Amino acid sequence: MGLLDNFKKKRAIKSYIEKLPNVLVNDYGRQEYYTQLQVRRSIERAGLNSQHQHYALAMYANRPEFVAYQSEIHENFSYEELREEVGGAYFSGSTEFNCSSVITASASFGGDTSSMDCSGGGGDGSP
């Protein structure tokens, strides 16, 4: 991966942390995890770079949803390795980050998290 590609990837991941939580909560309510379709639609609606959406899916979807996404696109990304990479860069090395952790990171990047929490509930899963 070239220097420019690496920059674009890091920028995409940061946008998934900074902007995507608000879009997901507004679109689908507060949830512990989102479906791969919800994450992908929210990336599209927010106008975020979808080239690296597998990172967003590793952050916001559970493992079965991530596997379903991989089957659909015929790719073989490692859920654990993606979470390790994101955790190493943004969560002090932890792979145990969750929606609340992402919102905290989002606030540190200047994202608007005033109306968000991940206490569960909410969201009917509709597009």
Protein backbone atom coordinates (compact mmCIF):
# COMPACT_ATOMS: atom_id res chain seq x y z
CA MET A 1 0.00 0.00 0.00
CA GLY A 2 1.43 3.33 -1.04
CA LEU A 3 1.79 6.39 1.12
CA LEU A 4 -1.23 8.09 -0.47
CA ASP A 5 -3.37 4.95 -0.11
CA ASN A 6 -2.39 4.66 3.56
CA PHE A 7 -3.29 8.32 4.13
CA LYS A 8 -6.70 7.83 2.49
CA LYS A 9 -7.35 4.73 4.60
CA LYS A 10 -6.49 6.52 7.85
CA ARG A 11 -8.63 9.47 6.83
CA ALA A 12 -11.56 7.17 6.07
CA ILE A 13 -11.22 5.38 9.43
CA LYS A 14 -11.08 8.71 11.26
CA SER A 15 -14.25 9.82 9.45
CA TYR A 16 -15.95 6.57 10.52
CA ILE A 17 -15.09 7.45 14.11
CA GLU A 18 -15.80 11.17 13.88
CA LYS A 19 -18.95 11.30 11.74
CA LEU A 20 -20.54 7.88 11.45
CA PRO A 21 -21.79 7.43 15.05
CA ASN A 22 -24.06 10.46 14.74
CA VAL A 23 -25.44 9.29 11.39
CA LEU A 24 -26.09 5.76 12.69
CA VAL A 25 -27.86 6.99 15.82
CA ASN A 26 -29.94 9.49 13.82
CA ASP A 27 -30.83 6.88 11.19
CA TYR A 28 -31.40 3.82 13.36
CA GLY A 29 -31.44 4.84 17.01
CA ARG A 30 -29.03 3.74 19.70
CA GLN A 31 -27.87 0.17 19.31
CA GLU A 32 -25.00 -1.91 20.60
CA TYR A 33 -24.35 -3.13 17.04
CA TYR A 34 -25.70 -2.20 13.63
CA THR A 35 -26.32 -4.45 10.65
CA GLN A 36 -23.88 -4.36 7.79
CA LEU A 37 -26.58 -2.84 5.59
CA GLN A 38 -27.26 -0.06 8.12
CA VAL A 39 -23.56 0.78 8.32
CA ARG A 40 -23.13 0.76 4.55
CA ARG A 41 -26.23 2.91 3.97
CA SER A 42 -25.14 5.41 6.61
CA ILE A 43 -21.68 5.67 5.03
CA GLU A 44 -23.36 6.41 1.72
CA ARG A 45 -25.85 8.93 3.17
CA ALA A 46 -23.04 10.74 5.00
CA GLY A 47 -20.96 10.93 1.84
CA LEU A 48 -18.04 9.11 3.46
CA ASN A 49 -15.39 7.14 1.60
CA SER A 50 -16.77 3.64 1.11
CA GLN A 51 -13.51 2.16 -0.19
CA HIS A 52 -12.52 1.20 3.37
CA GLN A 53 -15.99 0.44 4.72
CA HIS A 54 -14.78 -2.94 5.98
CA TYR A 55 -13.15 -0.98 8.84
CA ALA A 56 -16.46 0.69 9.72
CA LEU A 57 -18.16 -2.70 9.65
CA ALA A 58 -15.52 -4.13 11.99
CA MET A 59 -16.20 -1.20 14.32
CA TYR A 60 -20.01 -1.03 14.30
CA ALA A 61 -21.28 -4.47 13.25
CA ASN A 62 -20.93 -7.70 15.16
CA ARG A 63 -18.87 -10.57 13.79
CA PRO A 64 -21.77 -12.45 12.11
CA GLU A 65 -22.82 -9.29 10.25
CA PHE A 66 -19.22 -8.73 9.18
CA VAL A 67 -19.00 -12.31 7.88
CA ALA A 68 -22.26 -11.80 5.95
CA TYR A 69 -20.77 -8.68 4.34
CA GLN A 70 -17.63 -10.59 3.35
CA SER A 71 -19.69 -13.36 1.77
CA GLU A 72 -21.65 -10.78 -0.20
CA ILE A 73 -18.58 -9.01 -1.61
CA HIS A 74 -16.36 -12.11 -1.86
CA GLU A 75 -13.52 -10.62 0.18
CA ASN A 76 -11.57 -12.14 3.02
CA PHE A 77 -10.81 -9.48 5.62
CA SER A 78 -10.07 -10.53 9.18
CA TYR A 79 -12.55 -9.02 11.65
CA GLU A 80 -10.02 -9.43 14.45
CA GLU A 81 -7.12 -7.90 12.48
CA LEU A 82 -9.19 -4.89 11.45
CA ARG A 83 -10.26 -4.34 15.06
CA GLU A 84 -6.63 -4.69 16.17
CA GLU A 85 -5.56 -2.07 13.63
CA VAL A 86 -8.30 0.38 14.63
CA GLY A 87 -7.78 -0.34 18.32
CA GLY A 88 -4.04 0.21 18.02
CA ALA A 89 -4.48 3.55 16.30
CA TYR A 90 -7.46 4.99 18.21
CA PHE A 91 -8.23 3.00 21.38
CA SER A 92 -4.87 2.57 23.15
CA GLY A 93 -4.42 -0.88 21.64
CA SER A 94 -7.72 -2.26 22.88
CA THR A 95 -9.85 -4.41 20.61
CA GLU A 96 -12.67 -4.32 23.13
CA PHE A 97 -13.94 -0.94 21.98
CA ASN A 98 -17.67 -0.54 21.50
CA CYS A 99 -20.14 2.13 20.47
CA SER A 100 -19.49 4.14 23.65
CA SER A 101 -15.73 4.02 23.07
CA VAL A 102 -16.18 5.20 19.50
CA ILE A 103 -18.36 8.12 20.67
CA THR A 104 -15.67 9.13 23.17
CA ALA A 105 -13.07 9.04 20.40
CA SER A 106 -15.44 10.98 18.15
CA ALA A 107 -15.68 13.75 20.74
CA SER A 108 -11.88 13.96 20.90
CA PHE A 109 -11.85 14.60 17.13
CA GLY A 110 -14.46 17.33 17.48
CA GLY A 111 -17.51 15.26 16.49
CA ASP A 112 -20.91 16.26 17.86
CA THR A 113 -21.77 13.61 20.43
CA SER A 114 -24.18 15.63 22.55
CA SER A 115 -27.23 13.61 21.54
CA MET A 116 -25.61 10.19 21.42
CA ASP A 117 -25.12 7.34 23.79
CA CYS A 118 -25.09 3.62 23.22
CA SER A 119 -27.21 2.46 26.09
CA GLY A 120 -29.10 0.15 23.81
CA GLY A 121 -32.65 0.19 22.64
CA GLY A 122 -33.99 2.48 19.99
CA GLY A 123 -33.76 1.93 16.30
CA ASP A 124 -36.20 -0.24 14.47
CA GLY A 125 -33.62 -1.32 11.90
CA SER A 126 -35.50 0.27 9.03
CA PRO A 127 -33.55 2.16 6.36
